[in-house]
Protein backbone atom coordinates (compact mmCIF):
# COMPACT_ATOMS: atom_id res chain seq x y z
CA MET A 1 19.14 4.60 10.93
CA ASP A 2 20.23 1.52 9.01
CA MET A 3 16.99 -0.30 8.25
CA ARG A 4 18.95 -3.35 7.06
CA LEU A 5 17.15 -3.54 3.74
CA LYS A 6 20.14 -3.87 1.44
CA ASP A 7 19.57 -6.68 -1.08
CA ARG A 8 16.09 -7.42 0.28
CA ARG A 9 13.53 -8.36 -2.37
CA VAL A 10 10.27 -6.43 -2.36
CA LEU A 11 6.94 -6.65 -4.21
CA VAL A 12 4.69 -3.58 -4.36
CA SER A 13 1.25 -3.46 -5.99
CA GLY A 14 -0.36 -0.37 -7.49
CA ALA A 15 2.92 1.53 -7.64
CA SER A 16 2.94 3.66 -10.79
CA ARG A 17 2.30 6.89 -8.85
CA GLY A 18 1.52 8.40 -5.47
CA ILE A 19 2.09 6.38 -2.32
CA GLY A 20 3.01 3.20 -4.18
CA LEU A 21 5.68 4.89 -6.28
CA ALA A 22 7.07 6.69 -3.22
CA ILE A 23 7.32 3.34 -1.40
CA VAL A 24 9.25 1.84 -4.31
CA GLU A 25 11.64 4.83 -4.33
CA ARG A 26 12.24 4.57 -0.58
CA PHE A 27 13.00 0.84 -0.76
CA LEU A 28 15.43 1.44 -3.62
CA ALA A 29 17.14 4.19 -1.62
CA GLU A 30 17.70 1.63 1.16
CA GLY A 31 19.36 -0.79 -1.26
CA ALA A 32 16.45 -3.18 -1.80
CA SER A 33 15.41 -4.65 -5.14
CA VAL A 34 11.79 -4.04 -6.13
CA ALA A 35 9.22 -5.48 -8.52
CA PHE A 36 5.98 -3.55 -8.90
CA PHE A 37 2.88 -3.51 -11.03
CA ALA A 38 0.05 -1.21 -12.04
CA ARG A 39 -2.91 -1.49 -14.37
CA GLY A 40 -1.80 0.85 -17.17
CA GLN A 41 1.21 0.54 -19.46
CA GLN A 42 1.77 4.30 -19.62
CA GLY A 43 1.83 4.55 -15.84
CA VAL A 44 4.32 1.70 -15.57
CA ASP A 45 6.53 3.23 -18.26
CA ASP A 46 6.45 6.65 -16.59
CA ALA A 47 7.29 5.12 -13.21
CA LEU A 48 10.22 3.16 -14.63
CA ALA A 49 11.52 6.33 -16.27
CA ALA A 50 11.30 8.18 -12.95
CA LEU A 51 13.08 5.33 -11.17
CA ASN A 52 15.84 4.96 -13.76
CA GLY A 53 19.25 4.80 -12.11
CA LYS A 54 17.87 4.50 -8.59
CA GLY A 55 18.36 0.76 -8.18
CA GLN A 56 17.23 -2.66 -9.33
CA VAL A 57 13.57 -2.36 -10.25
CA CYS A 58 11.17 -3.96 -12.69
CA GLY A 59 7.58 -3.08 -13.50
CA ALA A 60 4.70 -4.89 -15.16
CA VAL A 61 1.11 -4.32 -16.20
CA VAL A 62 -1.26 -6.36 -14.02
CA ASP A 63 -4.86 -5.88 -12.92
CA SER A 64 -5.09 -7.17 -9.35
CA SER A 65 -8.71 -8.18 -9.89
CA GLU A 66 -7.44 -10.78 -12.39
CA HIS A 67 -6.20 -13.20 -9.79
CA ASP A 68 -4.61 -15.82 -12.02
CA ALA A 69 -2.55 -13.10 -13.68
CA LEU A 70 -1.62 -11.76 -10.26
CA ARG A 71 -0.41 -15.17 -9.09
CA ALA A 72 1.62 -15.57 -12.26
CA TRP A 73 3.22 -12.16 -11.74
CA VAL A 74 4.23 -13.00 -8.17
CA THR A 75 6.00 -16.14 -9.41
CA GLN A 76 7.70 -14.24 -12.21
CA ALA A 77 8.77 -11.44 -9.87
CA ALA A 78 10.19 -13.92 -7.38
CA GLU A 79 12.22 -15.57 -10.13
CA THR A 80 13.48 -12.20 -11.36
CA LEU A 81 14.47 -10.98 -7.89
CA GLY A 82 15.71 -14.34 -6.64
CA GLY A 83 13.10 -14.58 -3.90
CA ILE A 84 10.71 -12.44 -1.87
CA ASP A 85 11.28 -10.86 1.54
CA ILE A 86 8.58 -8.19 1.66
CA VAL A 87 5.11 -7.79 0.15
CA VAL A 88 3.36 -4.42 0.10
CA ASN A 89 -0.33 -4.54 -0.84
CA ASN A 90 -1.04 -1.01 -2.03
CA THR A 91 -3.46 -1.50 -4.91
CA SER A 92 -6.95 -0.08 -4.57
CA ALA A 93 -10.09 0.28 -6.62
CA SER A 94 -10.31 3.68 -4.91
CA ALA A 95 -13.54 5.39 -3.98
CA SER A 96 -16.44 5.23 -6.39
CA VAL A 97 -19.12 7.90 -6.42
CA GLU A 98 -21.62 5.25 -7.49
CA TRP A 99 -23.55 3.51 -4.71
CA THR A 100 -23.85 0.28 -6.65
CA GLU A 101 -23.28 -3.42 -6.14
CA ALA A 102 -20.66 -3.21 -8.89
CA ALA A 103 -18.65 -0.74 -6.80
CA TRP A 104 -18.76 -3.09 -3.84
CA ARG A 105 -17.69 -6.07 -5.94
CA ASN A 106 -14.87 -4.12 -7.54
CA SER A 107 -13.54 -2.99 -4.15
CA PHE A 108 -13.76 -6.56 -2.86
CA GLU A 109 -11.95 -8.10 -5.84
CA VAL A 110 -9.22 -5.46 -6.02
CA ASP A 111 -8.60 -4.32 -2.44
CA MET A 112 -9.52 -7.41 -0.46
CA MET A 113 -8.93 -10.40 -2.71
CA GLY A 114 -6.03 -8.73 -4.49
CA SER A 115 -4.23 -8.54 -1.15
CA VAL A 116 -5.21 -12.08 -0.16
CA VAL A 117 -4.05 -13.53 -3.48
CA MET A 118 -0.79 -11.60 -3.62
CA SER A 119 0.25 -12.40 -0.06
CA THR A 120 -0.73 -16.06 -0.35
CA ALA A 121 1.04 -16.47 -3.69
CA ALA A 122 4.20 -15.04 -2.12
CA LEU A 123 4.03 -17.30 0.94
CA PRO A 124 6.53 -19.99 -0.17
CA TRP A 125 9.21 -17.34 -0.72
CA LEU A 126 8.32 -15.45 2.45
CA GLU A 127 8.72 -18.65 4.45
CA ALA A 128 12.25 -18.98 3.06
CA SER A 129 13.19 -15.42 4.09
CA ASP A 130 14.89 -14.54 7.38
CA ALA A 131 13.17 -11.13 7.50
CA ALA A 132 9.75 -11.64 5.94
CA ALA A 133 7.07 -8.98 6.19
CA VAL A 134 3.68 -8.18 4.68
CA LEU A 135 2.19 -4.69 4.70
CA GLN A 136 -1.34 -3.58 3.86
CA VAL A 137 -1.79 0.06 2.84
CA ALA A 138 -5.27 0.93 4.12
CA THR A 139 -6.86 4.27 5.05
CA VAL A 140 -8.15 6.19 8.07
CA THR A 141 -11.58 5.79 6.43
CA ALA A 142 -11.37 2.16 7.57
CA SER A 143 -11.86 3.24 11.18
CA GLU A 144 -13.54 6.64 11.12
CA HIS A 145 -16.66 7.96 9.41
CA HIS A 146 -16.01 10.45 6.62
CA ASP A 147 -18.07 11.98 3.81
CA MET A 148 -20.44 9.47 2.29
CA SER A 149 -20.67 11.12 -1.12
CA VAL A 150 -18.70 8.11 -2.30
CA CYS A 151 -19.71 4.48 -2.03
CA PRO A 152 -19.08 3.13 1.50
CA SER A 153 -17.37 0.11 -0.04
CA TYR A 154 -14.04 1.95 0.13
CA GLY A 155 -13.85 2.26 3.90
CA ALA A 156 -15.60 -1.03 4.63
CA ILE A 157 -13.35 -3.12 2.40
CA LYS A 158 -10.22 -1.34 3.60
CA ALA A 159 -11.31 -2.15 7.17
CA ALA A 160 -11.48 -5.80 6.13
CA THR A 161 -7.91 -5.62 4.79
CA VAL A 162 -6.70 -4.24 8.14
CA ASN A 163 -8.37 -7.18 9.89
CA HIS A 164 -6.85 -9.59 7.39
CA ALA A 165 -3.37 -8.16 7.98
CA ALA A 166 -3.83 -8.65 11.72
CA GLN A 167 -4.97 -12.25 11.17
CA LEU A 168 -1.86 -12.95 9.09
CA ALA A 169 0.29 -11.68 11.96
CA GLN A 170 -1.19 -14.37 14.21
CA ASN A 171 -1.34 -17.17 11.65
CA TRP A 172 1.99 -16.57 9.93
CA GLY A 173 3.97 -15.27 12.88
CA GLY A 174 5.16 -18.77 13.69
CA LYS A 175 6.62 -18.96 10.19
CA GLY A 176 8.74 -15.89 10.88
CA ILE A 177 6.49 -13.58 8.83
CA ARG A 178 5.36 -10.27 10.28
CA SER A 179 2.18 -8.58 9.03
CA ASN A 180 1.01 -5.03 9.63
CA SER A 181 -1.07 -2.31 8.04
CA ILE A 182 -0.74 1.45 7.76
CA SER A 183 -3.64 3.86 7.44
CA PRO A 184 -2.84 7.15 5.72
CA GLY A 185 -5.06 10.17 6.05
CA PRO A 186 -5.58 12.66 3.18
CA ILE A 187 -2.42 12.61 1.05
CA TYR A 188 -1.83 15.19 -1.64
CA PHE A 189 0.21 14.36 -4.73
CA GLU A 190 0.15 15.39 -8.37
CA GLY A 191 -2.51 13.48 -10.26
CA GLY A 192 -4.07 12.15 -7.06
CA ALA A 193 -7.61 12.36 -5.74
CA TRP A 194 -6.91 15.35 -3.55
CA GLU A 195 -5.54 17.38 -6.44
CA ASP A 196 -8.84 16.76 -8.23
CA ILE A 197 -10.81 17.68 -5.10
CA LYS A 198 -8.76 20.87 -4.70
CA GLU A 199 -9.55 21.90 -8.27
CA ASN A 200 -13.23 20.94 -8.31
CA TYR A 201 -14.41 20.94 -4.69
CA PHE A 202 -12.23 23.56 -3.05
CA ASP A 203 -14.41 24.00 0.03
CA LEU A 204 -14.08 20.28 0.82
CA TYR A 205 -10.33 20.43 0.24
CA GLU A 206 -9.94 23.42 2.56
CA ARG A 207 -12.09 21.85 5.27
CA ASP A 208 -9.95 18.71 5.37
CA ARG A 209 -6.67 20.60 5.00
CA LEU A 210 -7.53 22.75 7.99
CA ALA A 211 -8.57 19.67 9.98
CA HIS A 212 -4.86 18.83 10.21
CA PRO A 213 -3.13 20.52 13.17
CA SER A 214 -0.29 21.50 10.81
CA GLY A 215 -2.70 23.09 8.33
CA ARG A 216 -1.51 20.95 5.44
CA MET A 217 -2.05 17.52 3.95
CA GLY A 218 0.53 14.78 4.00
CA THR A 219 2.83 13.72 1.19
CA ALA A 220 3.33 10.33 -0.39
CA GLU A 221 6.94 10.41 0.79
CA GLU A 222 5.87 10.82 4.42
CA VAL A 223 3.72 7.71 4.13
CA ALA A 224 6.49 5.81 2.36
CA ASN A 225 8.95 6.54 5.17
CA VAL A 226 6.64 4.83 7.66
CA ALA A 227 5.74 1.97 5.33
CA VAL A 228 9.35 1.06 4.63
CA PHE A 229 10.33 1.26 8.30
CA VAL A 230 7.45 -0.99 9.40
CA CYS A 231 8.49 -3.56 6.76
CA SER A 232 12.16 -3.41 7.67
CA PRO A 233 14.13 -5.61 10.07
CA ALA A 234 14.58 -2.46 12.17
CA ALA A 235 10.89 -2.86 13.11
CA SER A 236 11.21 -6.56 13.95
CA TRP A 237 8.98 -6.34 17.04
CA ILE A 238 6.09 -4.58 15.33
CA ASN A 239 3.55 -7.21 14.33
CA GLY A 240 -0.23 -7.17 13.93
CA GLU A 241 -0.43 -3.39 14.18
CA ASN A 242 -2.27 -0.73 12.19
CA VAL A 243 -0.13 2.41 12.12
CA VAL A 244 -2.05 5.61 11.43
CA VAL A 245 -0.11 8.08 9.26
CA ASP A 246 -2.31 11.16 9.13
CA GLY A 247 -0.60 14.10 10.84
CA GLY A 248 -3.31 14.25 13.49
CA PHE A 249 -6.20 14.40 11.01
CA THR A 250 -8.20 11.81 12.95
CA LYS A 251 -8.87 12.68 16.55
CA GLY A 252 -9.02 9.29 18.25
CA VAL A 253 -6.61 8.46 21.08
CA GLY A 254 -4.81 5.17 20.44
CA LEU A 255 -4.00 2.98 23.42
């Protein structure tokens, strides 16, 4: 399928590894140009090395909780790429094991406000695009109860980002801007949370692995395939949706 992404200009947050990096790779494979950021210089350098020769891509070190810096990066990325067609909000404070107010505030500033600031900062360029799209990478924990050994801020704030993405679909749809979210289930990749869980909490890993009908966890590439399609002009009539990408891990019936 031609997803009609050649020469489209894409911003991706939190993309030095895992799902974010896989999304960048998939966009590049479709001929898009991509600007991404992550918090650590080493991660950005490693990602750029892995992406070398795969297309037009630039990376930067940005902390999405530092909102002025995030706005400045969006402007710089737009100037570098010559505009913005697609915004992918992938950054996350992740799940903290500490049940503290600080964990809640960190999730809010990074996951929620990071998405709000990035999308809003990109709005002038999105309005100028003829195929504008915003995507929020959320989680199945936003809609289904899971282990509460970690702070509940993770699922609660991700649920708020799904709601925000749906609101953008209604409020920005008249501007020609689509907005959706995707909710991955457990995704295994090198250096990711589930690798750590497999090594240190094997019983938990096995329980969740076996909860998938296929008997395995998903890959970052499988999530990226869905993310890029939903953002593409090939999915022009998908708007305001939350697409679950979990291989049947959750058991709800969507209508």
